Amino acid sequence: MAESFSVTRRFFDDKNYPRGFSRHGDYTIRESQLLEQFGQACLALELGERKPTTAEEKQFAAVMKGERPAESSLEKAWIKYRTLTNKSKRIYTLSGDVSGDTTSDDSE
């Protein structure tokens, strides 16, 4: 895998994981290492900026297009990363009147 997904720099997502993948708690140690080591190549392949040249890269591209299920640990880690970063985050607050009911039972 080292030859096919070779890149010159590590992958970091400072927007979603400012302290790194391993410190956030969403990923195992192995998944964090895979994302950091091969994430640049995965992103380029997914966006079409890089053409798949090896069999592993072609299989990865097919998984990203939805043509086949993820099999390798890198494919599974990348899908997990994309799933977690593409979903909207819910924010819960404890302020405001949720019920909208302004009547009170204290008047009895």
PDB file of N, CA and C in Angstrom:
ATOM      1  N   MET A   1       0.822  -1.193   0.000  1.00  0.00           N
ATOM      2  CA  MET A   1       0.000   0.000   0.000  1.00  0.00           C
ATOM      3  C   MET A   1       0.862   1.252   0.000  1.00  0.00           C
ATOM      4  N   ALA A   2       2.047   1.160   0.536  1.00  0.00           N
ATOM      5  CA  ALA A   2       2.894   2.344   0.646  1.00  0.00           C
ATOM      6  C   ALA A   2       3.252   2.916  -0.726  1.00  0.00           C
ATOM      7  N   GLU A   3       3.437   2.064  -1.714  1.00  0.00           N
ATOM      8  CA  GLU A   3       3.787   2.556  -3.045  1.00  0.00           C
ATOM      9  C   GLU A   3       2.607   3.214  -3.741  1.00  0.00           C
ATOM     10  N   SER A   4       1.441   2.588  -3.630  1.00  0.00           N
ATOM     11  CA  SER A   4       0.315   3.068  -4.412  1.00  0.00           C
ATOM     12  C   SER A   4      -0.284   4.360  -3.862  1.00  0.00           C
ATOM     13  N   PHE A   5      -0.326   4.533  -2.574  1.00  0.00           N
ATOM     14  CA  PHE A   5      -0.914   5.734  -1.993  1.00  0.00           C
ATOM     15  C   PHE A   5       0.155   6.700  -1.484  1.00  0.00           C
ATOM     16  N   SER A   6       1.275   6.757  -2.163  1.00  0.00           N
ATOM     17  CA  SER A   6       2.385   7.584  -1.694  1.00  0.00           C
ATOM     18  C   SER A   6       2.073   9.070  -1.847  1.00  0.00           C
ATOM     19  N   VAL A   7       2.438   9.818  -0.827  1.00  0.00           N
ATOM     20  CA  VAL A   7       2.282  11.275  -0.818  1.00  0.00           C
ATOM     21  C   VAL A   7       3.516  11.883  -0.159  1.00  0.00           C
ATOM     22  N   THR A   8       3.677  13.178  -0.330  1.00  0.00           N
ATOM     23  CA  THR A   8       4.853  13.836   0.232  1.00  0.00           C
ATOM     24  C   THR A   8       4.588  14.473   1.591  1.00  0.00           C
ATOM     25  N   ARG A   9       3.321  14.624   1.966  1.00  0.00           N
ATOM     26  CA  ARG A   9       3.024  15.231   3.273  1.00  0.00           C
ATOM     27  C   ARG A   9       1.856  14.527   3.940  1.00  0.00           C
ATOM     28  N   ARG A  10       1.773  14.695   5.232  1.00  0.00           N
ATOM     29  CA  ARG A  10       0.723  14.061   6.021  1.00  0.00           C
ATOM     30  C   ARG A  10      -0.592  14.826   5.871  1.00  0.00           C
ATOM     31  N   PHE A  11      -1.681  14.144   6.177  1.00  0.00           N
ATOM     32  CA  PHE A  11      -3.014  14.717   6.054  1.00  0.00           C
ATOM     33  C   PHE A  11      -3.512  15.136   7.433  1.00  0.00           C
ATOM     34  N   PHE A  12      -3.940  16.387   7.540  1.00  0.00           N
ATOM     35  CA  PHE A  12      -4.528  16.902   8.767  1.00  0.00           C
ATOM     36  C   PHE A  12      -5.798  17.660   8.410  1.00  0.00           C
ATOM     37  N   ASP A  13      -6.794  17.570   9.253  1.00  0.00           N
ATOM     38  CA  ASP A  13      -8.055  18.294   9.063  1.00  0.00           C
ATOM     39  C   ASP A  13      -8.221  19.217  10.266  1.00  0.00           C
ATOM     40  N   ASP A  14      -7.623  20.403  10.173  1.00  0.00           N
ATOM     41  CA  ASP A  14      -7.646  21.333  11.299  1.00  0.00           C
ATOM     42  C   ASP A  14      -9.036  21.888  11.577  1.00  0.00           C
ATOM     43  N   LYS A  15      -9.906  21.875  10.591  1.00  0.00           N
ATOM     44  CA  LYS A  15     -11.262  22.386  10.790  1.00  0.00           C
ATOM     45  C   LYS A  15     -12.071  21.446  11.686  1.00  0.00           C
ATOM     46  N   ASN A  16     -12.072  20.160  11.364  1.00  0.00           N
ATOM     47  CA  ASN A  16     -12.867  19.197  12.118  1.00  0.00           C
ATOM     48  C   ASN A  16     -12.113  18.528  13.262  1.00  0.00           C
ATOM     49  N   TYR A  17     -10.804  18.421  13.131  1.00  0.00           N
ATOM     50  CA  TYR A  17      -9.985  17.747  14.141  1.00  0.00           C
ATOM     51  C   TYR A  17      -8.752  18.603  14.447  1.00  0.00           C
ATOM     52  N   PRO A  18      -8.930  19.736  15.113  1.00  0.00           N
ATOM     53  CA  PRO A  18      -7.806  20.650  15.341  1.00  0.00           C
ATOM     54  C   PRO A  18      -6.692  20.060  16.215  1.00  0.00           C
ATOM     55  N   ARG A  19      -7.019  19.069  17.040  1.00  0.00           N
ATOM     56  CA  ARG A  19      -5.999  18.444  17.888  1.00  0.00           C
ATOM     57  C   ARG A  19      -5.472  17.148  17.281  1.00  0.00           C
ATOM     58  N   GLY A  20      -5.905  16.810  16.091  1.00  0.00           N
ATOM     59  CA  GLY A  20      -5.455  15.592  15.423  1.00  0.00           C
ATOM     60  C   GLY A  20      -6.494  14.489  15.524  1.00  0.00           C
ATOM     61  N   PHE A  21      -6.368  13.517  14.658  1.00  0.00           N
ATOM     62  CA  PHE A  21      -7.324  12.403  14.623  1.00  0.00           C
ATOM     63  C   PHE A  21      -7.231  11.544  15.875  1.00  0.00           C
ATOM     64  N   SER A  22      -6.030  11.279  16.328  1.00  0.00           N
ATOM     65  CA  SER A  22      -5.846  10.355  17.451  1.00  0.00           C
ATOM     66  C   SER A  22      -6.316  10.939  18.772  1.00  0.00           C
ATOM     67  N   ARG A  23      -6.341  12.247  18.912  1.00  0.00           N
ATOM     68  CA  ARG A  23      -6.741  12.864  20.176  1.00  0.00           C
ATOM     69  C   ARG A  23      -8.231  13.165  20.268  1.00  0.00           C
ATOM     70  N   HIS A  24      -8.929  12.988  19.188  1.00  0.00           N
ATOM     71  CA  HIS A  24     -10.346  13.350  19.179  1.00  0.00           C
ATOM     72  C   HIS A  24     -11.242  12.262  19.747  1.00  0.00           C
ATOM     73  N   GLY A  25     -10.908  11.010  19.528  1.00  0.00           N
ATOM     74  CA  GLY A  25     -11.694   9.915  20.079  1.00  0.00           C
ATOM     75  C   GLY A  25     -12.617   9.225  19.100  1.00  0.00           C
ATOM     76  N   ASP A  26     -12.711   9.713  17.866  1.00  0.00           N
ATOM     77  CA  ASP A  26     -13.572   9.081  16.866  1.00  0.00           C
ATOM     78  C   ASP A  26     -12.906   7.877  16.201  1.00  0.00           C
ATOM     79  N   TYR A  27     -11.590   7.819  16.231  1.00  0.00           N
ATOM     80  CA  TYR A  27     -10.858   6.818  15.473  1.00  0.00           C
ATOM     81  C   TYR A  27      -9.945   6.000  16.372  1.00  0.00           C
ATOM     82  N   THR A  28      -9.683   4.773  15.934  1.00  0.00           N
ATOM     83  CA  THR A  28      -8.707   3.950  16.625  1.00  0.00           C
ATOM     84  C   THR A  28      -7.311   4.477  16.283  1.00  0.00           C
ATOM     85  N   ILE A  29      -6.322   3.971  16.963  1.00  0.00           N
ATOM     86  CA  ILE A  29      -4.948   4.395  16.684  1.00  0.00           C
ATOM     87  C   ILE A  29      -4.573   4.055  15.246  1.00  0.00           C
ATOM     88  N   ARG A  30      -4.933   2.868  14.817  1.00  0.00           N
ATOM     89  CA  ARG A  30      -4.607   2.431  13.444  1.00  0.00           C
ATOM     90  C   ARG A  30      -5.316   3.304  12.409  1.00  0.00           C
ATOM     91  N   GLU A  31      -6.592   3.607  12.631  1.00  0.00           N
ATOM     92  CA  GLU A  31      -7.332   4.470  11.700  1.00  0.00           C
ATOM     93  C   GLU A  31      -6.709   5.862  11.641  1.00  0.00           C
ATOM     94  N   SER A  32      -6.300   6.381  12.792  1.00  0.00           N
ATOM     95  CA  SER A  32      -5.658   7.698  12.828  1.00  0.00           C
ATOM     96  C   SER A  32      -4.372   7.697  12.019  1.00  0.00           C
ATOM     97  N   GLN A  33      -3.586   6.647  12.168  1.00  0.00           N
ATOM     98  CA  GLN A  33      -2.334   6.541  11.425  1.00  0.00           C
ATOM     99  C   GLN A  33      -2.588   6.448   9.927  1.00  0.00           C
ATOM    100  N   LEU A  34      -3.580   5.653   9.535  1.00  0.00           N
ATOM    101  CA  LEU A  34      -3.908   5.517   8.108  1.00  0.00           C
ATOM    102  C   LEU A  34      -4.362   6.847   7.522  1.00  0.00           C
ATOM    103  N   LEU A  35      -5.220   7.564   8.244  1.00  0.00           N
ATOM    104  CA  LEU A  35      -5.710   8.848   7.737  1.00  0.00           C
ATOM    105  C   LEU A  35      -4.580   9.854   7.599  1.00  0.00           C
ATOM    106  N   GLU A  36      -3.706   9.927   8.589  1.00  0.00           N
ATOM    107  CA  GLU A  36      -2.595  10.873   8.513  1.00  0.00           C
ATOM    108  C   GLU A  36      -1.617  10.506   7.401  1.00  0.00           C
ATOM    109  N   GLN A  37      -1.338   9.227   7.253  1.00  0.00           N
ATOM    110  CA  GLN A  37      -0.330   8.792   6.293  1.00  0.00           C
ATOM    111  C   GLN A  37      -0.829   8.816   4.847  1.00  0.00           C
ATOM    112  N   PHE A  38      -2.079   8.422   4.623  1.00  0.00           N
ATOM    113  CA  PHE A  38      -2.574   8.270   3.247  1.00  0.00           C
ATOM    114  C   PHE A  38      -3.745   9.198   2.914  1.00  0.00           C
ATOM    115  N   GLY A  39      -4.136  10.070   3.809  1.00  0.00           N
ATOM    116  CA  GLY A  39      -5.294  10.926   3.604  1.00  0.00           C
ATOM    117  C   GLY A  39      -5.184  11.858   2.411  1.00  0.00           C
ATOM    118  N   GLN A  40      -3.995  12.405   2.162  1.00  0.00           N
ATOM    119  CA  GLN A  40      -3.808  13.298   1.011  1.00  0.00           C
ATOM    120  C   GLN A  40      -4.114  12.567  -0.291  1.00  0.00           C
ATOM    121  N   ALA A  41      -3.642  11.333  -0.402  1.00  0.00           N
ATOM    122  CA  ALA A  41      -3.882  10.539  -1.612  1.00  0.00           C
ATOM    123  C   ALA A  41      -5.359  10.186  -1.722  1.00  0.00           C
ATOM    124  N   CYS A  42      -5.981   9.832  -0.600  1.00  0.00           N
ATOM    125  CA  CYS A  42      -7.403   9.477  -0.618  1.00  0.00           C
ATOM    126  C   CYS A  42      -8.255  10.661  -1.068  1.00  0.00           C
ATOM    127  N   LEU A  43      -7.956  11.823  -0.536  1.00  0.00           N
ATOM    128  CA  LEU A  43      -8.709  13.020  -0.903  1.00  0.00           C
ATOM    129  C   LEU A  43      -8.537  13.339  -2.388  1.00  0.00           C
ATOM    130  N   ALA A  44      -7.318  13.265  -2.876  1.00  0.00           N
ATOM    131  CA  ALA A  44      -7.056  13.545  -4.293  1.00  0.00           C
ATOM    132  C   ALA A  44      -7.754  12.533  -5.198  1.00  0.00           C
ATOM    133  N   LEU A  45      -7.753  11.267  -4.808  1.00  0.00           N
ATOM    134  CA  LEU A  45      -8.447  10.243  -5.600  1.00  0.00           C
ATOM    135  C   LEU A  45      -9.955  10.460  -5.580  1.00  0.00           C
ATOM    136  N   GLU A  46     -10.486  10.804  -4.418  1.00  0.00           N
ATOM    137  CA  GLU A  46     -11.925  11.012  -4.312  1.00  0.00           C
ATOM    138  C   GLU A  46     -12.389  12.211  -5.126  1.00  0.00           C
ATOM    139  N   LEU A  47     -11.619  13.273  -5.116  1.00  0.00           N
ATOM    140  CA  LEU A  47     -11.985  14.488  -5.841  1.00  0.00           C
ATOM    141  C   LEU A  47     -11.648  14.422  -7.332  1.00  0.00           C
ATOM    142  N   GLY A  48     -10.926  13.383  -7.749  1.00  0.00           N
ATOM    143  CA  GLY A  48     -10.553  13.243  -9.150  1.00  0.00           C
ATOM    144  C   GLY A  48      -9.325  14.026  -9.535  1.00  0.00           C
ATOM    145  N   GLU A  49      -8.616  14.574  -8.555  1.00  0.00           N
ATOM    146  CA  GLU A  49      -7.402  15.334  -8.835  1.00  0.00           C
ATOM    147  C   GLU A  49      -6.227  14.417  -9.142  1.00  0.00           C
ATOM    148  N   ARG A  50      -6.371  13.174  -8.764  1.00  0.00           N
ATOM    149  CA  ARG A  50      -5.329  12.178  -8.987  1.00  0.00           C
ATOM    150  C   ARG A  50      -5.967  10.966  -9.644  1.00  0.00           C
ATOM    151  N   LYS A  51      -5.351  10.479 -10.692  1.00  0.00           N
ATOM    152  CA  LYS A  51      -5.868   9.315 -11.404  1.00  0.00           C
ATOM    153  C   LYS A  51      -5.335   8.043 -10.747  1.00  0.00           C
ATOM    154  N   PRO A  52      -6.204   7.047 -10.544  1.00  0.00           N
ATOM    155  CA  PRO A  52      -5.732   5.790  -9.960  1.00  0.00           C
ATOM    156  C   PRO A  52      -4.812   5.051 -10.929  1.00  0.00           C
ATOM    157  N   THR A  53      -3.658   4.634 -10.426  1.00  0.00           N
ATOM    158  CA  THR A  53      -2.687   3.957 -11.275  1.00  0.00           C
ATOM    159  C   THR A  53      -2.506   2.492 -10.897  1.00  0.00           C
ATOM    160  N   THR A  54      -2.584   2.177  -9.633  1.00  0.00           N
ATOM    161  CA  THR A  54      -2.399   0.788  -9.197  1.00  0.00           C
ATOM    162  C   THR A  54      -3.759   0.131  -8.965  1.00  0.00           C
ATOM    163  N   ALA A  55      -3.731  -1.170  -8.754  1.00  0.00           N
ATOM    164  CA  ALA A  55      -4.973  -1.912  -8.504  1.00  0.00           C
ATOM    165  C   ALA A  55      -5.637  -1.453  -7.210  1.00  0.00           C
ATOM    166  N   GLU A  56      -4.827  -1.150  -6.193  1.00  0.00           N
ATOM    167  CA  GLU A  56      -5.387  -0.677  -4.923  1.00  0.00           C
ATOM    168  C   GLU A  56      -6.081   0.670  -5.088  1.00  0.00           C
ATOM    169  N   GLU A  57      -5.469   1.552  -5.849  1.00  0.00           N
ATOM    170  CA  GLU A  57      -6.070   2.867  -6.085  1.00  0.00           C
ATOM    171  C   GLU A  57      -7.344   2.753  -6.907  1.00  0.00           C
ATOM    172  N   LYS A  58      -7.356   1.861  -7.877  1.00  0.00           N
ATOM    173  CA  LYS A  58      -8.560   1.659  -8.688  1.00  0.00           C
ATOM    174  C   LYS A  58      -9.688   1.088  -7.841  1.00  0.00           C
ATOM    175  N   GLN A  59      -9.347   0.175  -6.945  1.00  0.00           N
ATOM    176  CA  GLN A  59     -10.356  -0.383  -6.044  1.00  0.00           C
ATOM    177  C   GLN A  59     -10.881   0.702  -5.108  1.00  0.00           C
ATOM    178  N   PHE A  60     -10.000   1.555  -4.591  1.00  0.00           N
ATOM    179  CA  PHE A  60     -10.411   2.654  -3.727  1.00  0.00           C
ATOM    180  C   PHE A  60     -11.353   3.599  -4.469  1.00  0.00           C
ATOM    181  N   ALA A  61     -11.016   3.928  -5.703  1.00  0.00           N
ATOM    182  CA  ALA A  61     -11.863   4.816  -6.500  1.00  0.00           C
ATOM    183  C   ALA A  61     -13.237   4.191  -6.732  1.00  0.00           C
ATOM    184  N   ALA A  62     -13.283   2.896  -6.955  1.00  0.00           N
ATOM    185  CA  ALA A  62     -14.563   2.197  -7.149  1.00  0.00           C
ATOM    186  C   ALA A  62     -15.395   2.228  -5.869  1.00  0.00           C
ATOM    187  N   VAL A  63     -14.743   2.098  -4.728  1.00  0.00           N
ATOM    188  CA  VAL A  63     -15.460   2.177  -3.444  1.00  0.00           C
ATOM    189  C   VAL A  63     -16.027   3.576  -3.251  1.00  0.00           C
ATOM    190  N   MET A  64     -15.262   4.593  -3.592  1.00  0.00           N
ATOM    191  CA  MET A  64     -15.729   5.974  -3.424  1.00  0.00           C
ATOM    192  C   MET A  64     -16.900   6.297  -4.347  1.00  0.00           C
ATOM    193  N   LYS A  65     -16.964   5.640  -5.494  1.00  0.00           N
ATOM    194  CA  LYS A  65     -18.082   5.844  -6.418  1.00  0.00           C
ATOM    195  C   LYS A  65     -19.297   5.011  -6.027  1.00  0.00           C
ATOM    196  N   GLY A  66     -19.127   4.129  -5.053  1.00  0.00           N
ATOM    197  CA  GLY A  66     -20.229   3.287  -4.616  1.00  0.00           C
ATOM    198  C   GLY A  66     -20.411   2.037  -5.454  1.00  0.00           C
ATOM    199  N   GLU A  67     -19.416   1.689  -6.244  1.00  0.00           N
ATOM    200  CA  GLU A  67     -19.509   0.534  -7.126  1.00  0.00           C
ATOM    201  C   GLU A  67     -19.196  -0.777  -6.412  1.00  0.00           C
ATOM    202  N   ARG A  68     -18.541  -0.706  -5.277  1.00  0.00           N
ATOM    203  CA  ARG A  68     -18.208  -1.900  -4.506  1.00  0.00           C
ATOM    204  C   ARG A  68     -18.080  -1.540  -3.033  1.00  0.00           C
ATOM    205  N   PRO A  69     -18.250  -2.517  -2.153  1.00  0.00           N
ATOM    206  CA  PRO A  69     -18.143  -2.227  -0.715  1.00  0.00           C
ATOM    207  C   PRO A  69     -16.683  -2.076  -0.282  1.00  0.00           C
ATOM    208  N   ALA A  70     -16.481  -1.357   0.807  1.00  0.00           N
ATOM    209  CA  ALA A  70     -15.138  -1.163   1.345  1.00  0.00           C
ATOM    210  C   ALA A  70     -14.623  -2.467   1.933  1.00  0.00           C
ATOM    211  N   GLU A  71     -13.386  -2.798   1.603  1.00  0.00           N
ATOM    212  CA  GLU A  71     -12.777  -4.030   2.095  1.00  0.00           C
ATOM    213  C   GLU A  71     -11.527  -3.771   2.914  1.00  0.00           C
ATOM    214  N   SER A  72     -10.666  -2.893   2.458  1.00  0.00           N
ATOM    215  CA  SER A  72      -9.405  -2.666   3.160  1.00  0.00           C
ATOM    216  C   SER A  72      -9.621  -1.738   4.354  1.00  0.00           C
ATOM    217  N   SER A  73      -8.665  -1.754   5.260  1.00  0.00           N
ATOM    218  CA  SER A  73      -8.772  -0.908   6.447  1.00  0.00           C
ATOM    219  C   SER A  73      -8.699   0.573   6.077  1.00  0.00           C
ATOM    220  N   LEU A  74      -7.951   0.917   5.035  1.00  0.00           N
ATOM    221  CA  LEU A  74      -7.880   2.308   4.587  1.00  0.00           C
ATOM    222  C   LEU A  74      -9.216   2.769   4.020  1.00  0.00           C
ATOM    223  N   GLU A  75      -9.840   1.937   3.217  1.00  0.00           N
ATOM    224  CA  GLU A  75     -11.145   2.288   2.640  1.00  0.00           C
ATOM    225  C   GLU A  75     -12.180   2.495   3.748  1.00  0.00           C
ATOM    226  N   LYS A  76     -12.183   1.619   4.724  1.00  0.00           N
ATOM    227  CA  LYS A  76     -13.135   1.732   5.833  1.00  0.00           C
ATOM    228  C   LYS A  76     -12.859   2.974   6.670  1.00  0.00           C
ATOM    229  N   ALA A  77     -11.588   3.262   6.917  1.00  0.00           N
ATOM    230  CA  ALA A  77     -11.233   4.451   7.699  1.00  0.00           C
ATOM    231  C   ALA A  77     -11.624   5.727   6.953  1.00  0.00           C
ATOM    232  N   TRP A  78     -11.415   5.757   5.642  1.00  0.00           N
ATOM    233  CA  TRP A  78     -11.750   6.952   4.864  1.00  0.00           C
ATOM    234  C   TRP A  78     -13.266   7.163   4.811  1.00  0.00           C
ATOM    235  N   ILE A  79     -14.010   6.093   4.641  1.00  0.00           N
ATOM    236  CA  ILE A  79     -15.473   6.214   4.640  1.00  0.00           C
ATOM    237  C   ILE A  79     -15.964   6.691   5.995  1.00  0.00           C
ATOM    238  N   LYS A  80     -15.377   6.195   7.054  1.00  0.00           N
ATOM    239  CA  LYS A  80     -15.737   6.641   8.403  1.00  0.00           C
ATOM    240  C   LYS A  80     -15.436   8.127   8.565  1.00  0.00           C
ATOM    241  N   TYR A  81     -14.276   8.561   8.088  1.00  0.00           N
ATOM    242  CA  TYR A  81     -13.899   9.971   8.151  1.00  0.00           C
ATOM    243  C   TYR A  81     -14.887  10.836   7.375  1.00  0.00           C
ATOM    244  N   ARG A  82     -15.221  10.448   6.150  1.00  0.00           N
ATOM    245  CA  ARG A  82     -16.144  11.239   5.330  1.00  0.00           C
ATOM    246  C   ARG A  82     -17.541  11.264   5.942  1.00  0.00           C
ATOM    247  N   THR A  83     -17.964  10.159   6.531  1.00  0.00           N
ATOM    248  CA  THR A  83     -19.281  10.104   7.168  1.00  0.00           C
ATOM    249  C   THR A  83     -19.332  11.053   8.367  1.00  0.00           C
ATOM    250  N   LEU A  84     -18.295  11.029   9.182  1.00  0.00           N
ATOM    251  CA  LEU A  84     -18.276  11.874  10.375  1.00  0.00           C
ATOM    252  C   LEU A  84     -18.119  13.356  10.050  1.00  0.00           C
ATOM    253  N   THR A  85     -17.410  13.678   8.988  1.00  0.00           N
ATOM    254  CA  THR A  85     -17.206  15.094   8.667  1.00  0.00           C
ATOM    255  C   THR A  85     -18.315  15.676   7.802  1.00  0.00           C
ATOM    256  N   ASN A  86     -19.095  14.850   7.138  1.00  0.00           N
ATOM    257  CA  ASN A  86     -20.158  15.362   6.271  1.00  0.00           C
ATOM    258  C   ASN A  86     -21.497  15.521   6.973  1.00  0.00           C
ATOM    259  N   LYS A  87     -21.673  14.901   8.126  1.00  0.00           N
ATOM    260  CA  LYS A  87     -22.960  15.036   8.801  1.00  0.00           C
ATOM    261  C   LYS A  87     -23.009  16.333   9.585  1.00  0.00           C
ATOM    262  N   SER A  88     -24.186  16.900   9.698  1.00  0.00           N
ATOM    263  CA  SER A  88     -24.326  18.133  10.445  1.00  0.00           C
ATOM    264  C   SER A  88     -24.357  17.816  11.932  1.00  0.00           C
ATOM    265  N   LYS A  89     -23.799  18.715  12.703  1.00  0.00           N
ATOM    266  CA  LYS A  89     -23.727  18.510  14.142  1.00  0.00           C
ATOM    267  C   LYS A  89     -24.911  19.194  14.810  1.00  0.00           C
ATOM    268  N   ARG A  90     -25.525  18.500  15.741  1.00  0.00           N
ATOM    269  CA  ARG A  90     -26.637  19.075  16.482  1.00  0.00           C
ATOM    270  C   ARG A  90     -26.114  19.817  17.700  1.00  0.00           C
ATOM    271  N   ILE A  91     -26.724  20.943  17.958  1.00  0.00           N
ATOM    272  CA  ILE A  91     -26.346  21.730  19.117  1.00  0.00           C
ATOM    273  C   ILE A  91     -27.559  21.827  20.020  1.00  0.00           C
ATOM    274  N   TYR A  92     -27.371  21.448  21.260  1.00  0.00           N
ATOM    275  CA  TYR A  92     -28.457  21.485  22.232  1.00  0.00           C
ATOM    276  C   TYR A  92     -28.208  22.623  23.200  1.00  0.00           C
ATOM    277  N   THR A  93     -29.275  23.368  23.480  1.00  0.00           N
ATOM    278  CA  THR A  93     -29.166  24.464  24.443  1.00  0.00           C
ATOM    279  C   THR A  93     -30.192  24.273  25.541  1.00  0.00           C
ATOM    280  N   LEU A  94     -29.961  24.917  26.649  1.00  0.00           N
ATOM    281  CA  LEU A  94     -30.870  24.813  27.782  1.00  0.00           C
ATOM    282  C   LEU A  94     -31.592  26.130  28.040  1.00  0.00           C
ATOM    283  N   SER A  95     -31.672  26.972  27.059  1.00  0.00           N
ATOM    284  CA  SER A  95     -32.321  28.260  27.251  1.00  0.00           C
ATOM    285  C   SER A  95     -33.576  28.351  26.394  1.00  0.00           C
ATOM    286  N   GLY A  96     -34.473  29.226  26.793  1.00  0.00           N
ATOM    287  CA  GLY A  96     -35.684  29.445  26.017  1.00  0.00           C
ATOM    288  C   GLY A  96     -36.840  28.579  26.461  1.00  0.00           C
ATOM    289  N   ASP A  97     -38.051  29.000  26.077  1.00  0.00           N
ATOM    290  CA  ASP A  97     -39.264  28.265  26.408  1.00  0.00           C
ATOM    291  C   ASP A  97     -39.570  27.318  25.259  1.00  0.00           C
ATOM    292  N   VAL A  98     -39.406  26.047  25.484  1.00  0.00           N
ATOM    293  CA  VAL A  98     -39.570  25.053  24.437  1.00  0.00           C
ATOM    294  C   VAL A  98     -41.039  24.741  24.207  1.00  0.00           C
ATOM    295  N   SER A  99     -41.822  24.696  25.258  1.00  0.00           N
ATOM    296  CA  SER A  99     -43.205  24.253  25.131  1.00  0.00           C
ATOM    297  C   SER A  99     -44.106  25.290  24.475  1.00  0.00           C
ATOM    298  N   GLY A 100     -43.840  26.553  24.690  1.00  0.00           N
ATOM    299  CA  GLY A 100     -44.699  27.589  24.150  1.00  0.00           C
ATOM    300  C   GLY A 100     -45.967  27.776  24.963  1.00  0.00           C
ATOM    301  N   ASP A 101     -46.145  27.015  26.011  1.00  0.00           N
ATOM    302  CA  ASP A 101     -47.318  27.094  26.868  1.00  0.00           C
ATOM    303  C   ASP A 101     -47.086  28.158  27.919  1.00  0.00           C
ATOM    304  N   THR A 102     -47.906  29.230  27.893  1.00  0.00           N
ATOM    305  CA  THR A 102     -47.721  30.327  28.834  1.00  0.00           C
ATOM    306  C   THR A 102     -48.701  30.255  30.003  1.00  0.00           C
ATOM    307  N   THR A 103     -49.625  29.315  29.993  1.00  0.00           N
ATOM    308  CA  THR A 103     -50.575  29.203  31.105  1.00  0.00           C
ATOM    309  C   THR A 103     -49.909  28.531  32.267  1.00  0.00           C
ATOM    310  N   SER A 104     -50.408  28.836  33.451  1.00  0.00           N
ATOM    311  CA  SER A 104     -49.814  28.292  34.660  1.00  0.00           C
ATOM    312  C   SER A 104     -50.877  27.650  35.512  1.00  0.00           C
ATOM    313  N   ASP A 105     -50.525  26.573  36.168  1.00  0.00           N
ATOM    314  CA  ASP A 105     -51.465  25.889  37.055  1.00  0.00           C
ATOM    315  C   ASP A 105     -51.429  26.480  38.458  1.00  0.00           C
ATOM    316  N   ASP A 106     -50.659  27.501  38.727  1.00  0.00           N
ATOM    317  CA  ASP A 106     -50.522  28.101  40.052  1.00  0.00           C
ATOM    318  C   ASP A 106     -51.733  28.948  40.442  1.00  0.00           C
ATOM    319  N   SER A 107     -52.613  29.268  39.496  1.00  0.00           N
ATOM    320  CA  SER A 107     -53.738  30.159  39.781  1.00  0.00           C
ATOM    321  C   SER A 107     -54.870  29.461  40.504  1.00  0.00           C
ATOM    322  N   GLU A 108     -54.811  28.193  40.733  1.00  0.00           N
ATOM    323  CA  GLU A 108     -55.898  27.474  41.408  1.00  0.00           C
ATOM    324  C   GLU A 108     -55.922  27.641  42.867  1.00  0.00           C
TER     325      GLU A 108
END
